[in-house]
Amino acid sequence: MGLLSNARARGLARMLLKSHATKVGVTCYLAGLVMVFTFPLPLNNAGTYVSENALLPGVLERDWGGGGARSAAQYAGDVRAMQVNGTGSADFRAWLVGEMRHIGLDVYTQRFRELPVPGAG
């Protein structure tokens, strides 16, 4: 039988963890520190690519502007107007997708199924 399905083994494991909780905690903490400090080694990140270009401060644009760009205040005003008018979520979603596409962003939507909340019945 496995550790979780055997009551005797489960009790023994619980007793060992309780009696050695500090040792287990310190060991896990030290193992975590070792992992954090060994991330830069080639053995641990051989398949990971980090673009240094994303970290360049010269690439950053301080002003949000350009052709056809609207200010955040105008977008907030549009959203408030939709809330006041009682615009439904489908219409709001269509407006948002249209605005994002208008400023040149790639937009994808996905349908989600709502599940009942446990205990709210």
C-alpha atoms as a PDB file:
ATOM      1  CA  MET A   1       0.000   0.000   0.000  1.00  0.00           C
ATOM      2  CA  GLY A   2       1.071   3.567  -0.599  1.00  0.00           C
ATOM      3  CA  LEU A   3       1.974   6.151   1.991  1.00  0.00           C
ATOM      4  CA  LEU A   4      -1.288   8.067   1.628  1.00  0.00           C
ATOM      5  CA  SER A   5      -3.582   5.045   1.526  1.00  0.00           C
ATOM      6  CA  ASN A   6      -2.070   3.209   4.491  1.00  0.00           C
ATOM      7  CA  ALA A   7      -3.212   4.691   7.823  1.00  0.00           C
ATOM      8  CA  ARG A   8      -0.257   3.285   9.759  1.00  0.00           C
ATOM      9  CA  ALA A   9       2.329   4.645   7.315  1.00  0.00           C
ATOM     10  CA  ARG A  10       0.500   7.988   7.188  1.00  0.00           C
ATOM     11  CA  GLY A  11       0.640   8.254  10.978  1.00  0.00           C
ATOM     12  CA  LEU A  12       4.341   7.391  10.977  1.00  0.00           C
ATOM     13  CA  ALA A  13       5.068  10.002   8.311  1.00  0.00           C
ATOM     14  CA  ARG A  14       3.074  12.603  10.274  1.00  0.00           C
ATOM     15  CA  MET A  15       4.990  11.784  13.447  1.00  0.00           C
ATOM     16  CA  LEU A  16       8.360  12.027  11.669  1.00  0.00           C
ATOM     17  CA  LEU A  17       7.445  15.362  10.075  1.00  0.00           C
ATOM     18  CA  LYS A  18       6.251  16.788  13.386  1.00  0.00           C
ATOM     19  CA  SER A  19       9.351  15.688  15.245  1.00  0.00           C
ATOM     20  CA  HIS A  20      11.738  16.961  12.549  1.00  0.00           C
ATOM     21  CA  ALA A  21       9.768  19.993  11.274  1.00  0.00           C
ATOM     22  CA  THR A  22      12.598  22.465  11.834  1.00  0.00           C
ATOM     23  CA  LYS A  23      15.143  20.259  10.077  1.00  0.00           C
ATOM     24  CA  VAL A  24      12.793  19.673   7.138  1.00  0.00           C
ATOM     25  CA  GLY A  25      12.024  23.401   6.897  1.00  0.00           C
ATOM     26  CA  VAL A  26      15.676  24.455   6.948  1.00  0.00           C
ATOM     27  CA  THR A  27      16.557  21.756   4.409  1.00  0.00           C
ATOM     28  CA  CYS A  28      13.805  22.923   2.022  1.00  0.00           C
ATOM     29  CA  TYR A  29      14.855  26.560   2.475  1.00  0.00           C
ATOM     30  CA  LEU A  30      18.493  25.753   1.721  1.00  0.00           C
ATOM     31  CA  ALA A  31      17.514  23.616  -1.274  1.00  0.00           C
ATOM     32  CA  GLY A  32      15.518  26.572  -2.610  1.00  0.00           C
ATOM     33  CA  LEU A  33      18.478  28.905  -2.179  1.00  0.00           C
ATOM     34  CA  VAL A  34      20.762  26.455  -3.955  1.00  0.00           C
ATOM     35  CA  MET A  35      18.307  26.237  -6.865  1.00  0.00           C
ATOM     36  CA  VAL A  36      18.029  30.029  -7.148  1.00  0.00           C
ATOM     37  CA  PHE A  37      21.796  30.440  -7.206  1.00  0.00           C
ATOM     38  CA  THR A  38      22.303  27.624  -9.726  1.00  0.00           C
ATOM     39  CA  PHE A  39      19.758  28.939 -12.264  1.00  0.00           C
ATOM     40  CA  PRO A  40      22.483  30.770 -14.254  1.00  0.00           C
ATOM     41  CA  LEU A  41      24.480  27.574 -14.769  1.00  0.00           C
ATOM     42  CA  PRO A  42      24.237  26.057 -18.264  1.00  0.00           C
ATOM     43  CA  LEU A  43      22.950  22.787 -16.831  1.00  0.00           C
ATOM     44  CA  ASN A  44      19.820  24.499 -15.473  1.00  0.00           C
ATOM     45  CA  ASN A  45      19.001  26.960 -18.264  1.00  0.00           C
ATOM     46  CA  ALA A  46      20.279  25.423 -21.482  1.00  0.00           C
ATOM     47  CA  GLY A  47      16.858  25.644 -23.141  1.00  0.00           C
ATOM     48  CA  THR A  48      15.964  29.124 -21.860  1.00  0.00           C
ATOM     49  CA  TYR A  49      16.370  32.261 -23.947  1.00  0.00           C
ATOM     50  CA  VAL A  50      16.188  35.729 -22.412  1.00  0.00           C
ATOM     51  CA  SER A  51      16.274  38.627 -24.811  1.00  0.00           C
ATOM     52  CA  GLU A  52      18.541  41.373 -23.556  1.00  0.00           C
ATOM     53  CA  ASN A  53      16.883  43.731 -26.034  1.00  0.00           C
ATOM     54  CA  ALA A  54      13.807  43.760 -23.828  1.00  0.00           C
ATOM     55  CA  LEU A  55      15.930  45.175 -21.025  1.00  0.00           C
ATOM     56  CA  LEU A  56      17.387  48.088 -22.997  1.00  0.00           C
ATOM     57  CA  PRO A  57      16.186  51.426 -21.608  1.00  0.00           C
ATOM     58  CA  GLY A  58      16.631  53.155 -24.982  1.00  0.00           C
ATOM     59  CA  VAL A  59      13.839  51.102 -26.533  1.00  0.00           C
ATOM     60  CA  LEU A  60      11.262  52.536 -24.168  1.00  0.00           C
ATOM     61  CA  GLU A  61       8.867  55.199 -25.421  1.00  0.00           C
ATOM     62  CA  ARG A  62       7.982  57.628 -22.652  1.00  0.00           C
ATOM     63  CA  ASP A  63       4.939  59.096 -24.390  1.00  0.00           C
ATOM     64  CA  TRP A  64       1.968  57.121 -25.539  1.00  0.00           C
ATOM     65  CA  GLY A  65       1.089  58.843 -28.737  1.00  0.00           C
ATOM     66  CA  GLY A  66       1.354  58.705 -32.443  1.00  0.00           C
ATOM     67  CA  GLY A  67      -1.073  58.481 -35.289  1.00  0.00           C
ATOM     68  CA  GLY A  68      -4.602  57.775 -34.139  1.00  0.00           C
ATOM     69  CA  ALA A  69      -3.708  56.930 -30.554  1.00  0.00           C
ATOM     70  CA  ARG A  70      -6.155  58.139 -27.945  1.00  0.00           C
ATOM     71  CA  SER A  71      -5.434  59.080 -24.383  1.00  0.00           C
ATOM     72  CA  ALA A  72      -6.196  56.765 -21.498  1.00  0.00           C
ATOM     73  CA  ALA A  73      -8.674  59.354 -20.185  1.00  0.00           C
ATOM     74  CA  GLN A  74     -10.708  59.089 -23.400  1.00  0.00           C
ATOM     75  CA  TYR A  75     -10.791  55.297 -23.126  1.00  0.00           C
ATOM     76  CA  ALA A  76     -11.848  55.555 -19.478  1.00  0.00           C
ATOM     77  CA  GLY A  77     -14.635  57.960 -20.490  1.00  0.00           C
ATOM     78  CA  ASP A  78     -15.883  55.526 -23.121  1.00  0.00           C
ATOM     79  CA  VAL A  79     -15.904  52.684 -20.594  1.00  0.00           C
ATOM     80  CA  ARG A  80     -17.801  54.824 -18.047  1.00  0.00           C
ATOM     81  CA  ALA A  81     -20.359  55.758 -20.692  1.00  0.00           C
ATOM     82  CA  MET A  82     -20.884  52.082 -21.503  1.00  0.00           C
ATOM     83  CA  GLN A  83     -21.386  51.309 -17.811  1.00  0.00           C
ATOM     84  CA  VAL A  84     -23.970  54.098 -17.498  1.00  0.00           C
ATOM     85  CA  ASN A  85     -25.794  52.952 -20.637  1.00  0.00           C
ATOM     86  CA  GLY A  86     -25.865  49.344 -19.432  1.00  0.00           C
ATOM     87  CA  THR A  87     -23.851  47.965 -22.318  1.00  0.00           C
ATOM     88  CA  GLY A  88     -23.690  44.175 -22.166  1.00  0.00           C
ATOM     89  CA  SER A  89     -20.462  42.226 -21.896  1.00  0.00           C
ATOM     90  CA  ALA A  90     -20.668  40.976 -25.499  1.00  0.00           C
ATOM     91  CA  ASP A  91     -20.970  44.528 -26.852  1.00  0.00           C
ATOM     92  CA  PHE A  92     -18.164  45.725 -24.570  1.00  0.00           C
ATOM     93  CA  ARG A  93     -15.968  42.842 -25.705  1.00  0.00           C
ATOM     94  CA  ALA A  94     -16.635  43.685 -29.370  1.00  0.00           C
ATOM     95  CA  TRP A  95     -15.796  47.364 -28.741  1.00  0.00           C
ATOM     96  CA  LEU A  96     -12.588  46.476 -26.909  1.00  0.00           C
ATOM     97  CA  VAL A  97     -11.451  44.076 -29.635  1.00  0.00           C
ATOM     98  CA  GLY A  98     -12.187  46.722 -32.270  1.00  0.00           C
ATOM     99  CA  GLU A  99     -10.232  49.411 -30.400  1.00  0.00           C
ATOM    100  CA  MET A 100      -7.243  47.132 -29.896  1.00  0.00           C
ATOM    101  CA  ARG A 101      -7.211  46.122 -33.549  1.00  0.00           C
ATOM    102  CA  HIS A 102      -7.547  49.773 -34.541  1.00  0.00           C
ATOM    103  CA  ILE A 103      -4.292  50.663 -32.783  1.00  0.00           C
ATOM    104  CA  GLY A 104      -2.525  47.721 -34.417  1.00  0.00           C
ATOM    105  CA  LEU A 105      -2.585  44.987 -31.788  1.00  0.00           C
ATOM    106  CA  ASP A 106      -3.173  41.317 -32.547  1.00  0.00           C
ATOM    107  CA  VAL A 107      -6.293  40.321 -30.630  1.00  0.00           C
ATOM    108  CA  TYR A 108      -7.638  36.855 -29.944  1.00  0.00           C
ATOM    109  CA  THR A 109     -10.709  35.913 -27.951  1.00  0.00           C
ATOM    110  CA  GLN A 110     -11.511  32.669 -26.241  1.00  0.00           C
ATOM    111  CA  ARG A 111     -14.773  31.349 -24.916  1.00  0.00           C
ATOM    112  CA  PHE A 112     -14.845  30.145 -21.337  1.00  0.00           C
ATOM    113  CA  ARG A 113     -17.450  27.982 -19.695  1.00  0.00           C
ATOM    114  CA  GLU A 114     -18.718  29.159 -16.337  1.00  0.00           C
ATOM    115  CA  LEU A 115     -18.655  26.556 -13.591  1.00  0.00           C
ATOM    116  CA  PRO A 116     -20.814  26.738 -10.487  1.00  0.00           C
ATOM    117  CA  VAL A 117     -19.116  28.048  -7.355  1.00  0.00           C
ATOM    118  CA  PRO A 118     -18.869  25.283  -4.738  1.00  0.00           C
ATOM    119  CA  GLY A 119     -21.021  25.994  -1.695  1.00  0.00           C
ATOM    120  CA  ALA A 120     -22.907  28.888  -3.311  1.00  0.00           C
ATOM    121  CA  GLY A 121     -25.883  26.699  -4.128  1.00  0.00           C
END
